[in-house]
């Protein structure tokens, strides 16, 4: 992985902008999706997002970005990744789960985490969660500190201006409130159904509707 920025060095901007340089988004409407989760509809044809649950870190008139939270990675291990990045100590005092965060910039790492730890380069999504793309957070975790809960995601999901809003209007995604268990626990196989359960939606009924489309 080429990815975590050294110290608090911000990542370069692109479209959509990388999280490390994004400012707190200006809502495009009262229903801004920042801090919500996106739930892929059964009719999703893009296999990269089939049954995906995505935490929305930013949603503004410039676009949106989020982290997929139910795509765990078996390798590399956290210890192996620290070795590749030259982060000590090795082995680390504690670890963090790795996941496939999305198809954009998948060689770069982003840590979605609770705000009991933040660094100079952290983007605070809300009072409970932040996103950090610097090595500082990995060093803190390796030393036994860092945030209580976190996910190291390789890559992210991104949308251009108005793109996510259009996809929601086309019934590609449902939205629901996020919670820490849904984002950070290890029950990956149940996260999609649990996210739907927040809306009291039966996946079988969704499948039937999608089949009539």
Protein backbone atom coordinates (compact mmCIF):
# COMPACT_ATOMS: atom_id res chain seq x y z
CA UNK A 1 0.00 0.00 0.00
CA UNK A 2 1.46 3.38 -0.96
CA UNK A 3 -1.04 5.26 0.96
CA UNK A 4 -1.13 6.68 4.53
CA UNK A 5 0.19 10.24 4.50
CA UNK A 6 3.27 10.90 6.62
CA UNK A 7 2.63 12.82 9.84
CA UNK A 8 -0.42 14.99 9.16
CA UNK A 9 0.40 15.55 5.49
CA UNK A 10 -2.89 16.08 3.60
CA UNK A 11 -3.66 13.94 0.56
CA UNK A 12 -3.81 15.65 -2.82
CA UNK A 13 -7.18 16.93 -3.99
CA UNK A 14 -9.07 15.27 -6.80
CA UNK A 15 -12.71 14.89 -7.86
CA UNK A 16 -14.25 13.95 -5.50
CA UNK A 17 -11.72 15.50 -3.07
CA UNK A 18 -9.72 13.16 -0.88
CA UNK A 19 -10.94 13.02 2.73
CA UNK A 20 -7.74 14.38 4.27
CA UNK A 21 -8.22 17.75 2.53
CA UNK A 22 -11.99 17.99 2.66
CA UNK A 23 -13.50 20.66 4.86
CA UNK A 24 -16.73 20.12 6.75
CA UNK A 25 -19.25 19.82 3.92
CA UNK A 26 -21.88 22.44 3.26
CA UNK A 27 -25.22 20.58 3.02
CA UNK A 28 -26.82 20.67 -0.39
CA UNK A 29 -30.15 20.29 1.35
CA UNK A 30 -31.57 19.81 4.80
CA UNK A 31 -31.34 16.09 4.12
CA UNK A 32 -27.54 15.95 3.73
CA UNK A 33 -26.37 12.36 4.09
CA UNK A 34 -23.16 13.07 5.98
CA UNK A 35 -23.03 10.65 8.93
CA UNK A 36 -25.66 8.30 7.45
CA UNK A 37 -25.18 4.85 5.93
CA UNK A 38 -26.07 3.92 2.37
CA UNK A 39 -27.59 0.48 1.86
CA UNK A 40 -27.37 -1.03 -1.61
CA UNK A 41 -30.71 -2.17 -3.04
CA UNK A 42 -30.93 -5.83 -4.16
CA UNK A 43 -31.13 -4.58 -7.74
CA UNK A 44 -27.60 -3.15 -7.55
CA UNK A 45 -25.83 -4.36 -10.72
CA UNK A 46 -22.36 -3.05 -9.86
CA UNK A 47 -20.72 -6.02 -8.12
CA UNK A 48 -18.34 -3.71 -6.28
CA UNK A 49 -21.34 -2.47 -4.30
CA UNK A 50 -23.59 -5.53 -4.16
CA UNK A 51 -25.08 -5.72 -0.63
CA UNK A 52 -22.74 -2.91 0.41
CA UNK A 53 -23.16 -0.78 3.52
CA UNK A 54 -21.33 2.54 3.15
CA UNK A 55 -20.75 5.17 5.80
CA UNK A 56 -21.05 8.65 4.24
CA UNK A 57 -18.15 10.80 5.46
CA UNK A 58 -18.98 13.85 3.34
CA UNK A 59 -21.89 14.96 1.16
CA UNK A 60 -21.96 18.43 -0.36
CA UNK A 61 -22.60 20.23 -3.63
CA UNK A 62 -19.11 19.13 -4.70
CA UNK A 63 -19.97 15.42 -4.44
CA UNK A 64 -19.81 12.72 -1.80
CA UNK A 65 -17.43 10.15 -0.38
CA UNK A 66 -17.86 7.22 1.93
CA UNK A 67 -16.26 4.09 3.33
CA UNK A 68 -17.64 0.58 2.74
CA UNK A 69 -17.85 -1.07 6.18
CA UNK A 70 -18.77 -4.67 5.30
CA UNK A 71 -15.92 -5.77 3.01
CA UNK A 72 -13.24 -7.26 5.35
CA UNK A 73 -9.77 -8.03 4.03
CA UNK A 74 -7.97 -11.20 5.12
CA UNK A 75 -4.61 -9.84 3.98
CA UNK A 76 -2.43 -8.02 4.56
CA UNK A 77 -2.59 -8.30 8.34
CA UNK A 78 -2.30 -5.11 10.35
CA UNK A 79 1.19 -6.17 11.49
CA UNK A 80 2.28 -6.85 7.90
CA UNK A 81 0.94 -3.49 6.78
CA UNK A 82 2.83 -1.69 9.54
CA UNK A 83 5.97 -3.50 8.41
CA UNK A 84 5.46 -2.31 4.83
CA UNK A 85 5.03 1.26 6.07
CA UNK A 86 7.94 1.11 8.53
CA UNK A 87 5.74 1.80 11.54
CA UNK A 88 6.97 0.59 14.94
CA UNK A 89 6.61 -1.23 17.25
CA UNK A 90 6.56 -4.61 15.55
CA UNK A 91 4.59 -6.60 16.50
CA UNK A 92 2.06 -3.88 17.41
CA UNK A 93 0.64 -3.61 20.91
CA UNK A 94 -2.88 -3.72 19.45
CA UNK A 95 -4.46 -4.10 16.04
CA UNK A 96 -7.25 -2.73 13.88
CA UNK A 97 -9.50 -4.40 11.31
CA UNK A 98 -8.73 -3.90 7.62
CA UNK A 99 -11.43 -3.56 4.99
CA UNK A 100 -11.95 -2.71 1.33
CA UNK A 101 -13.24 0.84 1.59
CA UNK A 102 -14.21 1.28 -2.05
CA UNK A 103 -12.93 1.26 -5.63
CA UNK A 104 -11.35 4.73 -5.62
CA UNK A 105 -7.66 5.04 -4.66
CA UNK A 106 -7.58 1.52 -3.23
CA UNK A 107 -3.84 1.71 -2.55
CA UNK A 108 -4.38 4.48 0.02
CA UNK A 109 -5.50 3.91 3.60
CA UNK A 110 -8.17 5.80 5.53
CA UNK A 111 -9.01 5.13 9.18
CA UNK A 112 -12.65 5.65 10.14
CA UNK A 113 -12.67 5.93 13.92
CA UNK A 114 -14.25 7.27 17.08
CA UNK A 115 -13.34 10.80 18.14
CA UNK A 116 -11.73 9.83 21.46
CA UNK A 117 -8.53 10.21 19.38
CA UNK A 118 -7.97 12.80 16.65
CA UNK A 119 -4.88 14.19 14.92
CA UNK A 120 -4.05 17.37 13.03
CA UNK A 121 -5.14 15.78 9.75
CA UNK A 122 -8.39 14.26 11.03
CA UNK A 123 -11.70 15.16 9.38
CA UNK A 124 -14.40 15.18 12.06
CA UNK A 125 -17.57 13.88 10.44
CA UNK A 126 -19.64 14.53 13.58
CA UNK A 127 -19.14 14.52 17.33
CA UNK A 128 -18.70 10.73 17.39
CA UNK A 129 -16.71 9.84 14.26
CA UNK A 130 -13.72 11.08 12.29
CA UNK A 131 -11.62 10.08 9.29
CA UNK A 132 -7.81 10.17 9.36
CA UNK A 133 -5.41 9.49 6.48
CA UNK A 134 -2.04 10.00 8.19
CA UNK A 135 0.46 7.59 9.73
CA UNK A 136 0.02 9.25 13.11
CA UNK A 137 -3.04 7.18 13.90
CA UNK A 138 -1.36 3.90 12.94
CA UNK A 139 1.59 4.72 15.18
CA UNK A 140 -0.75 5.48 18.06
CA UNK A 141 -2.60 2.18 17.60
CA UNK A 142 0.64 0.20 17.25
CA UNK A 143 1.83 1.67 20.55
CA UNK A 144 -1.39 0.53 22.26
CA UNK A 145 -3.29 3.83 22.10
CA UNK A 146 -5.36 5.50 19.43
CA UNK A 147 -9.16 5.48 19.16
CA UNK A 148 -11.29 2.92 20.96
CA UNK A 149 -12.95 1.80 17.72
CA UNK A 150 -11.72 2.02 14.16
CA UNK A 151 -11.55 0.53 10.68
CA UNK A 152 -8.57 0.84 8.35
CA UNK A 153 -10.09 1.02 4.88
CA UNK A 154 -8.11 0.67 1.66
CA UNK A 155 -9.77 2.98 -0.86
CA UNK A 156 -13.11 4.76 -0.70
CA UNK A 157 -16.35 5.24 -2.62
CA UNK A 158 -16.76 8.57 -4.39
CA UNK A 159 -19.47 10.42 -6.31
CA UNK A 160 -19.30 13.58 -8.41
CA UNK A 161 -21.57 16.61 -7.95
CA UNK A 162 -25.20 15.50 -7.74
CA UNK A 163 -24.36 11.89 -8.66
CA UNK A 164 -25.29 10.29 -5.34
CA UNK A 165 -28.52 12.29 -5.14
CA UNK A 166 -29.48 11.03 -8.60
CA UNK A 167 -28.71 7.42 -7.67
CA UNK A 168 -30.90 7.71 -4.56
CA UNK A 169 -33.74 9.14 -6.65
CA UNK A 170 -33.34 6.11 -8.92
CA UNK A 171 -33.76 3.79 -5.90
CA UNK A 172 -30.19 2.51 -6.10
CA UNK A 173 -29.60 3.17 -2.38
CA UNK A 174 -31.56 3.36 0.84
CA UNK A 175 -30.30 5.48 3.72
CA UNK A 176 -30.35 4.84 7.46
CA UNK A 177 -28.78 6.18 10.67
CA UNK A 178 -25.33 4.82 11.54
CA UNK A 179 -24.33 3.23 14.82
CA UNK A 180 -20.98 2.06 16.17
CA UNK A 181 -21.82 -1.65 16.16
CA UNK A 182 -22.90 -1.52 12.52
CA UNK A 183 -19.71 0.28 11.53
CA UNK A 184 -17.11 -1.51 13.61
CA UNK A 185 -18.17 -4.98 14.74
CA UNK A 186 -16.98 -8.16 13.01
CA UNK A 187 -20.41 -9.53 11.98
CA UNK A 188 -19.89 -8.56 8.35
CA UNK A 189 -22.30 -11.10 6.88
CA UNK A 190 -25.23 -9.58 8.78
CA UNK A 191 -24.52 -5.87 8.35
CA UNK A 192 -26.60 -5.40 5.21
CA UNK A 193 -29.67 -7.02 6.82
CA UNK A 194 -29.09 -5.19 10.09
CA UNK A 195 -28.91 -1.88 8.26
CA UNK A 196 -32.21 -2.65 6.53
CA UNK A 197 -33.71 -3.62 9.88
CA UNK A 198 -33.16 -0.05 11.05
CA UNK A 199 -35.74 0.91 8.43
CA UNK A 200 -37.96 -2.09 9.26
CA UNK A 201 -37.52 -3.29 5.70
CA UNK A 202 -37.76 -6.95 4.69
CA UNK A 203 -35.04 -7.79 2.12
CA UNK A 204 -37.36 -10.35 0.50
CA UNK A 205 -39.92 -7.64 -0.21
CA UNK A 206 -37.20 -5.44 -1.70
CA UNK A 207 -36.13 -8.31 -3.95
CA UNK A 208 -39.70 -8.78 -5.15
CA UNK A 209 -40.02 -5.06 -5.99
CA UNK A 210 -36.69 -5.12 -7.80
CA UNK A 211 -37.81 -8.13 -9.80
CA UNK A 212 -40.76 -6.18 -11.21
CA UNK A 213 -38.61 -3.29 -12.38
